Amino acid sequence: MVGTRQFDETAVMQRALNVFRQKGLAATSMIDLAQATGVHRGSLYNAYGGKEAIFLSAFETYADDYMRGIRTALDQTDARAALAAFVETVLTSMTAGSPARGCLSTRTATEVDETPPAVQDRIRRWLDELQETIEIGLRRRCLADQLTLPPEEAARLLVTFTRGLAVMERVYHDEAQLRDISASLIRVLVRQAGKD
């Protein structure tokens, strides 16, 4: 049947996502994607139109999974526990795999000179969505009352912090260091009991 995809799109997107995480958008070729997915280049072009469209489709899988993890992590009544779960979600996303897969959004954002405008726009919107998701999570279950900053400011700080954490992971490959840095931020963000 003409136009019918003869492959498991979910599996193909997951494999493509793995390639983009390992190599970055700029360094990934259609040959890389064809080899990783087991789908011929021509079929990938016919189904998606090219590398940028494949990236954007794979990025949606990444974004959905990431946001779901963030919402789950922040769904707690204790701010310290919520932020610890948030950091664990972020670090697990970055450090899973061998070699560690890093942070797709930060990696792509730092390739700015080589990143197509549609991808830059999607990364920008995703960062805004991430900040909003964190802010909403911090406003629930009385977490805001336990923070040293208003939820909007804390969310902005957490987005910026986690992008920096992704860069530190790429440079040092030291998960213990990332955890120590994260614990310091949590101590700064969460009010100590008995103090204003």
C-alpha atoms as a PDB file:
ATOM      1  CA  MET A   1       0.000   0.000   0.000  1.00  0.00           C
ATOM      2  CA  VAL A   2       1.457   3.361  -1.042  1.00  0.00           C
ATOM      3  CA  GLY A   3       2.225   5.723   1.846  1.00  0.00           C
ATOM      4  CA  THR A   4       1.963   3.042   4.530  1.00  0.00           C
ATOM      5  CA  ARG A   5       4.987   2.856   6.773  1.00  0.00           C
ATOM      6  CA  GLN A   6       6.428  -0.625   6.846  1.00  0.00           C
ATOM      7  CA  PHE A   7       8.215  -0.199  10.167  1.00  0.00           C
ATOM      8  CA  ASP A   8       7.476   0.274  13.843  1.00  0.00           C
ATOM      9  CA  GLU A   9       7.549   4.061  14.133  1.00  0.00           C
ATOM     10  CA  THR A  10       7.930   4.027  17.928  1.00  0.00           C
ATOM     11  CA  ALA A  11      10.992   1.774  17.738  1.00  0.00           C
ATOM     12  CA  VAL A  12      12.459   3.814  14.874  1.00  0.00           C
ATOM     13  CA  MET A  13      12.023   7.071  16.807  1.00  0.00           C
ATOM     14  CA  GLN A  14      13.661   5.559  19.903  1.00  0.00           C
ATOM     15  CA  ARG A  15      16.652   4.381  17.869  1.00  0.00           C
ATOM     16  CA  ALA A  16      16.902   7.744  16.101  1.00  0.00           C
ATOM     17  CA  LEU A  17      16.730   9.472  19.475  1.00  0.00           C
ATOM     18  CA  ASN A  18      19.657   7.363  20.687  1.00  0.00           C
ATOM     19  CA  VAL A  19      21.731   8.421  17.665  1.00  0.00           C
ATOM     20  CA  PHE A  20      20.938  12.107  18.191  1.00  0.00           C
ATOM     21  CA  ARG A  21      21.834  11.795  21.872  1.00  0.00           C
ATOM     22  CA  GLN A  22      25.166  10.152  21.060  1.00  0.00           C
ATOM     23  CA  LYS A  23      26.248  12.289  18.114  1.00  0.00           C
ATOM     24  CA  GLY A  24      24.189  15.459  18.301  1.00  0.00           C
ATOM     25  CA  LEU A  25      21.988  16.795  15.524  1.00  0.00           C
ATOM     26  CA  ALA A  26      24.762  18.391  13.465  1.00  0.00           C
ATOM     27  CA  ALA A  27      27.011  15.304  13.418  1.00  0.00           C
ATOM     28  CA  THR A  28      24.216  12.824  12.685  1.00  0.00           C
ATOM     29  CA  SER A  29      23.772  11.827   9.049  1.00  0.00           C
ATOM     30  CA  MET A  30      20.902  10.103   7.303  1.00  0.00           C
ATOM     31  CA  ILE A  31      23.248   7.134   6.872  1.00  0.00           C
ATOM     32  CA  ASP A  32      23.680   7.004  10.668  1.00  0.00           C
ATOM     33  CA  LEU A  33      19.910   7.072  11.107  1.00  0.00           C
ATOM     34  CA  ALA A  34      19.336   4.386   8.479  1.00  0.00           C
ATOM     35  CA  GLN A  35      21.935   2.111  10.059  1.00  0.00           C
ATOM     36  CA  ALA A  36      20.609   2.622  13.592  1.00  0.00           C
ATOM     37  CA  THR A  37      16.949   2.218  12.703  1.00  0.00           C
ATOM     38  CA  GLY A  38      17.300  -0.550  10.149  1.00  0.00           C
ATOM     39  CA  VAL A  39      15.161   1.498   7.741  1.00  0.00           C
ATOM     40  CA  HIS A  40      16.539   2.444   4.317  1.00  0.00           C
ATOM     41  CA  ARG A  41      17.382   6.106   3.799  1.00  0.00           C
ATOM     42  CA  GLY A  42      14.831   6.399   1.015  1.00  0.00           C
ATOM     43  CA  SER A  43      12.098   5.098   3.294  1.00  0.00           C
ATOM     44  CA  LEU A  44      13.131   7.550   6.013  1.00  0.00           C
ATOM     45  CA  TYR A  45      13.061  10.424   3.511  1.00  0.00           C
ATOM     46  CA  ASN A  46       9.656   9.317   2.230  1.00  0.00           C
ATOM     47  CA  ALA A  47       8.238   8.969   5.734  1.00  0.00           C
ATOM     48  CA  TYR A  48       9.717  12.095   7.332  1.00  0.00           C
ATOM     49  CA  GLY A  49      11.283  14.312   4.671  1.00  0.00           C
ATOM     50  CA  GLY A  50      14.777  14.484   6.151  1.00  0.00           C
ATOM     51  CA  LYS A  51      17.015  14.599   9.195  1.00  0.00           C
ATOM     52  CA  GLU A  52      15.464  17.730  10.719  1.00  0.00           C
ATOM     53  CA  ALA A  53      11.958  16.253  10.620  1.00  0.00           C
ATOM     54  CA  ILE A  54      13.216  12.980  12.098  1.00  0.00           C
ATOM     55  CA  PHE A  55      14.922  14.925  14.877  1.00  0.00           C
ATOM     56  CA  LEU A  56      11.775  16.918  15.627  1.00  0.00           C
ATOM     57  CA  SER A  57       9.697  13.744  15.757  1.00  0.00           C
ATOM     58  CA  ALA A  58      12.233  11.968  17.984  1.00  0.00           C
ATOM     59  CA  PHE A  59      12.490  15.067  20.164  1.00  0.00           C
ATOM     60  CA  GLU A  60       8.754  14.845  20.896  1.00  0.00           C
ATOM     61  CA  THR A  61       9.328  11.377  22.344  1.00  0.00           C
ATOM     62  CA  TYR A  62      12.185  12.748  24.450  1.00  0.00           C
ATOM     63  CA  ALA A  63      10.181  15.800  25.567  1.00  0.00           C
ATOM     64  CA  ASP A  64       7.113  13.774  26.553  1.00  0.00           C
ATOM     65  CA  ASP A  65       9.146  11.268  28.576  1.00  0.00           C
ATOM     66  CA  TYR A  66      11.204  13.992  30.250  1.00  0.00           C
ATOM     67  CA  MET A  67       8.192  16.099  31.256  1.00  0.00           C
ATOM     68  CA  ARG A  68       6.364  13.053  32.595  1.00  0.00           C
ATOM     69  CA  GLY A  69       9.378  12.262  34.782  1.00  0.00           C
ATOM     70  CA  ILE A  70       9.594  15.857  36.039  1.00  0.00           C
ATOM     71  CA  ARG A  71       5.888  15.972  36.929  1.00  0.00           C
ATOM     72  CA  THR A  72       6.164  12.679  38.815  1.00  0.00           C
ATOM     73  CA  ALA A  73       9.301  13.808  40.672  1.00  0.00           C
ATOM     74  CA  LEU A  74       7.708  17.041  41.881  1.00  0.00           C
ATOM     75  CA  ASP A  75       4.442  15.395  42.966  1.00  0.00           C
ATOM     76  CA  GLN A  76       5.395  15.281  46.655  1.00  0.00           C
ATOM     77  CA  THR A  77       4.534  17.197  49.814  1.00  0.00           C
ATOM     78  CA  ASP A  78       8.115  17.805  50.958  1.00  0.00           C
ATOM     79  CA  ALA A  79      10.157  20.331  48.933  1.00  0.00           C
ATOM     80  CA  ARG A  80      13.508  18.740  49.755  1.00  0.00           C
ATOM     81  CA  ALA A  81      12.252  15.311  48.656  1.00  0.00           C
ATOM     82  CA  ALA A  82      10.617  16.783  45.543  1.00  0.00           C
ATOM     83  CA  LEU A  83      13.791  18.578  44.479  1.00  0.00           C
ATOM     84  CA  ALA A  84      15.908  15.495  45.221  1.00  0.00           C
ATOM     85  CA  ALA A  85      13.571  13.428  43.015  1.00  0.00           C
ATOM     86  CA  PHE A  86      13.706  16.156  40.350  1.00  0.00           C
ATOM     87  CA  VAL A  87      17.523  16.082  40.365  1.00  0.00           C
ATOM     88  CA  GLU A  88      17.513  12.274  40.261  1.00  0.00           C
ATOM     89  CA  THR A  89      15.238  12.351  37.205  1.00  0.00           C
ATOM     90  CA  VAL A  90      17.493  14.862  35.449  1.00  0.00           C
ATOM     91  CA  LEU A  91      20.709  13.017  36.309  1.00  0.00           C
ATOM     92  CA  THR A  92      19.316   9.631  35.317  1.00  0.00           C
ATOM     93  CA  SER A  93      18.257  11.071  31.973  1.00  0.00           C
ATOM     94  CA  MET A  94      21.773  12.443  31.409  1.00  0.00           C
ATOM     95  CA  THR A  95      23.939   9.654  32.759  1.00  0.00           C
ATOM     96  CA  ALA A  96      22.101   6.545  31.572  1.00  0.00           C
ATOM     97  CA  GLY A  97      23.875   4.427  29.000  1.00  0.00           C
ATOM     98  CA  SER A  98      27.487   3.738  28.221  1.00  0.00           C
ATOM     99  CA  PRO A  99      28.838   6.160  27.320  1.00  0.00           C
ATOM    100  CA  ALA A 100      26.490   8.468  29.201  1.00  0.00           C
ATOM    101  CA  ARG A 101      23.966   9.883  26.764  1.00  0.00           C
ATOM    102  CA  GLY A 102      24.004  13.461  28.043  1.00  0.00           C
ATOM    103  CA  CYS A 103      21.202  15.966  27.633  1.00  0.00           C
ATOM    104  CA  LEU A 104      19.708  16.123  24.151  1.00  0.00           C
ATOM    105  CA  SER A 105      18.126  19.549  24.557  1.00  0.00           C
ATOM    106  CA  THR A 106      21.286  21.198  25.895  1.00  0.00           C
ATOM    107  CA  ARG A 107      23.502  19.478  23.366  1.00  0.00           C
ATOM    108  CA  THR A 108      21.266  20.673  20.552  1.00  0.00           C
ATOM    109  CA  ALA A 109      20.983  24.187  21.963  1.00  0.00           C
ATOM    110  CA  THR A 110      24.768  24.521  22.128  1.00  0.00           C
ATOM    111  CA  GLU A 111      25.065  23.582  18.442  1.00  0.00           C
ATOM    112  CA  VAL A 112      23.237  26.842  17.708  1.00  0.00           C
ATOM    113  CA  ASP A 113      25.277  27.824  14.634  1.00  0.00           C
ATOM    114  CA  GLU A 114      24.500  24.468  13.038  1.00  0.00           C
ATOM    115  CA  THR A 115      20.922  24.075  14.264  1.00  0.00           C
ATOM    116  CA  PRO A 116      18.050  24.790  11.854  1.00  0.00           C
ATOM    117  CA  PRO A 117      15.635  27.557  12.948  1.00  0.00           C
ATOM    118  CA  ALA A 118      12.716  25.126  13.413  1.00  0.00           C
ATOM    119  CA  VAL A 119      14.813  23.060  15.820  1.00  0.00           C
ATOM    120  CA  GLN A 120      16.032  26.172  17.668  1.00  0.00           C
ATOM    121  CA  ASP A 121      12.409  27.253  18.051  1.00  0.00           C
ATOM    122  CA  ARG A 122      11.373  23.824  19.364  1.00  0.00           C
ATOM    123  CA  ILE A 123      14.199  23.783  21.913  1.00  0.00           C
ATOM    124  CA  ARG A 124      13.230  27.288  23.054  1.00  0.00           C
ATOM    125  CA  ARG A 125       9.574  26.271  23.435  1.00  0.00           C
ATOM    126  CA  TRP A 126      10.618  23.115  25.282  1.00  0.00           C
ATOM    127  CA  LEU A 127      12.696  25.118  27.775  1.00  0.00           C
ATOM    128  CA  ASP A 128       9.678  27.379  28.357  1.00  0.00           C
ATOM    129  CA  GLU A 129       7.483  24.287  28.841  1.00  0.00           C
ATOM    130  CA  LEU A 130      10.034  22.846  31.261  1.00  0.00           C
ATOM    131  CA  GLN A 131      10.055  26.028  33.325  1.00  0.00           C
ATOM    132  CA  GLU A 132       6.254  26.098  33.388  1.00  0.00           C
ATOM    133  CA  THR A 133       6.077  22.412  34.370  1.00  0.00           C
ATOM    134  CA  ILE A 134       8.523  22.961  37.229  1.00  0.00           C
ATOM    135  CA  GLU A 135       6.712  26.090  38.397  1.00  0.00           C
ATOM    136  CA  ILE A 136       3.358  24.289  38.418  1.00  0.00           C
ATOM    137  CA  GLY A 137       4.937  21.399  40.325  1.00  0.00           C
ATOM    138  CA  LEU A 138       6.399  23.765  42.909  1.00  0.00           C
ATOM    139  CA  ARG A 139       3.049  25.509  43.410  1.00  0.00           C
ATOM    140  CA  ARG A 140       1.274  22.245  44.228  1.00  0.00           C
ATOM    141  CA  ARG A 141       1.142  20.504  47.581  1.00  0.00           C
ATOM    142  CA  CYS A 142       2.398  23.557  49.522  1.00  0.00           C
ATOM    143  CA  LEU A 143       5.935  23.217  48.160  1.00  0.00           C
ATOM    144  CA  ALA A 144       6.130  26.968  47.483  1.00  0.00           C
ATOM    145  CA  ASP A 145       5.909  27.714  51.211  1.00  0.00           C
ATOM    146  CA  GLN A 146       9.019  25.608  51.788  1.00  0.00           C
ATOM    147  CA  LEU A 147      11.186  27.424  49.221  1.00  0.00           C
ATOM    148  CA  THR A 148      13.521  30.385  49.628  1.00  0.00           C
ATOM    149  CA  LEU A 149      12.395  31.776  46.253  1.00  0.00           C
ATOM    150  CA  PRO A 150       8.979  32.235  44.650  1.00  0.00           C
ATOM    151  CA  PRO A 151       8.068  29.253  42.407  1.00  0.00           C
ATOM    152  CA  GLU A 152       8.580  31.227  39.177  1.00  0.00           C
ATOM    153  CA  GLU A 153      12.115  32.250  40.172  1.00  0.00           C
ATOM    154  CA  ALA A 154      12.940  28.793  41.523  1.00  0.00           C
ATOM    155  CA  ALA A 155      11.718  27.199  38.277  1.00  0.00           C
ATOM    156  CA  ARG A 156      13.832  29.573  36.172  1.00  0.00           C
ATOM    157  CA  LEU A 157      16.851  28.834  38.371  1.00  0.00           C
ATOM    158  CA  LEU A 158      16.289  25.070  38.106  1.00  0.00           C
ATOM    159  CA  VAL A 159      16.048  25.182  34.306  1.00  0.00           C
ATOM    160  CA  THR A 160      19.248  27.211  34.084  1.00  0.00           C
ATOM    161  CA  PHE A 161      20.979  25.046  36.691  1.00  0.00           C
ATOM    162  CA  THR A 162      20.111  21.785  34.933  1.00  0.00           C
ATOM    163  CA  ARG A 163      21.396  23.109  31.591  1.00  0.00           C
ATOM    164  CA  GLY A 164      24.686  23.941  33.330  1.00  0.00           C
ATOM    165  CA  LEU A 165      24.648  20.526  34.978  1.00  0.00           C
ATOM    166  CA  ALA A 166      24.384  18.966  31.506  1.00  0.00           C
ATOM    167  CA  VAL A 167      27.485  20.850  30.389  1.00  0.00           C
ATOM    168  CA  MET A 168      29.364  19.763  33.530  1.00  0.00           C
ATOM    169  CA  GLU A 169      28.380  16.143  32.813  1.00  0.00           C
ATOM    170  CA  ARG A 170      29.829  16.416  29.295  1.00  0.00           C
ATOM    171  CA  VAL A 171      33.081  17.943  30.554  1.00  0.00           C
ATOM    172  CA  TYR A 172      33.748  15.908  33.713  1.00  0.00           C
ATOM    173  CA  HIS A 173      31.719  12.684  33.361  1.00  0.00           C
ATOM    174  CA  ASP A 174      31.590  12.633  37.172  1.00  0.00           C
ATOM    175  CA  GLU A 175      28.171  11.693  38.495  1.00  0.00           C
ATOM    176  CA  ALA A 176      29.243  12.090  42.137  1.00  0.00           C
ATOM    177  CA  GLN A 177      30.285  15.679  41.459  1.00  0.00           C
ATOM    178  CA  LEU A 178      26.928  16.380  39.791  1.00  0.00           C
ATOM    179  CA  ARG A 179      25.107  14.993  42.817  1.00  0.00           C
ATOM    180  CA  ASP A 180      27.179  17.128  45.203  1.00  0.00           C
ATOM    181  CA  ILE A 181      26.507  20.284  43.180  1.00  0.00           C
ATOM    182  CA  SER A 182      22.803  19.430  43.081  1.00  0.00           C
ATOM    183  CA  ALA A 183      22.654  18.841  46.834  1.00  0.00           C
ATOM    184  CA  SER A 184      24.133  22.316  47.344  1.00  0.00           C
ATOM    185  CA  LEU A 185      21.416  23.881  45.221  1.00  0.00           C
ATOM    186  CA  ILE A 186      18.699  22.029  47.129  1.00  0.00           C
ATOM    187  CA  ARG A 187      20.124  23.341  50.411  1.00  0.00           C
ATOM    188  CA  VAL A 188      19.955  26.880  49.003  1.00  0.00           C
ATOM    189  CA  LEU A 189      16.410  26.520  47.643  1.00  0.00           C
ATOM    190  CA  VAL A 190      14.684  24.832  50.594  1.00  0.00           C
ATOM    191  CA  ARG A 191      14.026  26.747  53.805  1.00  0.00           C
ATOM    192  CA  GLN A 192      15.526  25.206  56.901  1.00  0.00           C
ATOM    193  CA  ALA A 193      12.989  24.207  59.523  1.00  0.00           C
ATOM    194  CA  GLY A 194      12.454  26.975  62.065  1.00  0.00           C
ATOM    195  CA  LYS A 195      13.964  29.701  59.856  1.00  0.00           C
ATOM    196  CA  ASP A 196      12.144  32.311  57.790  1.00  0.00           C
END
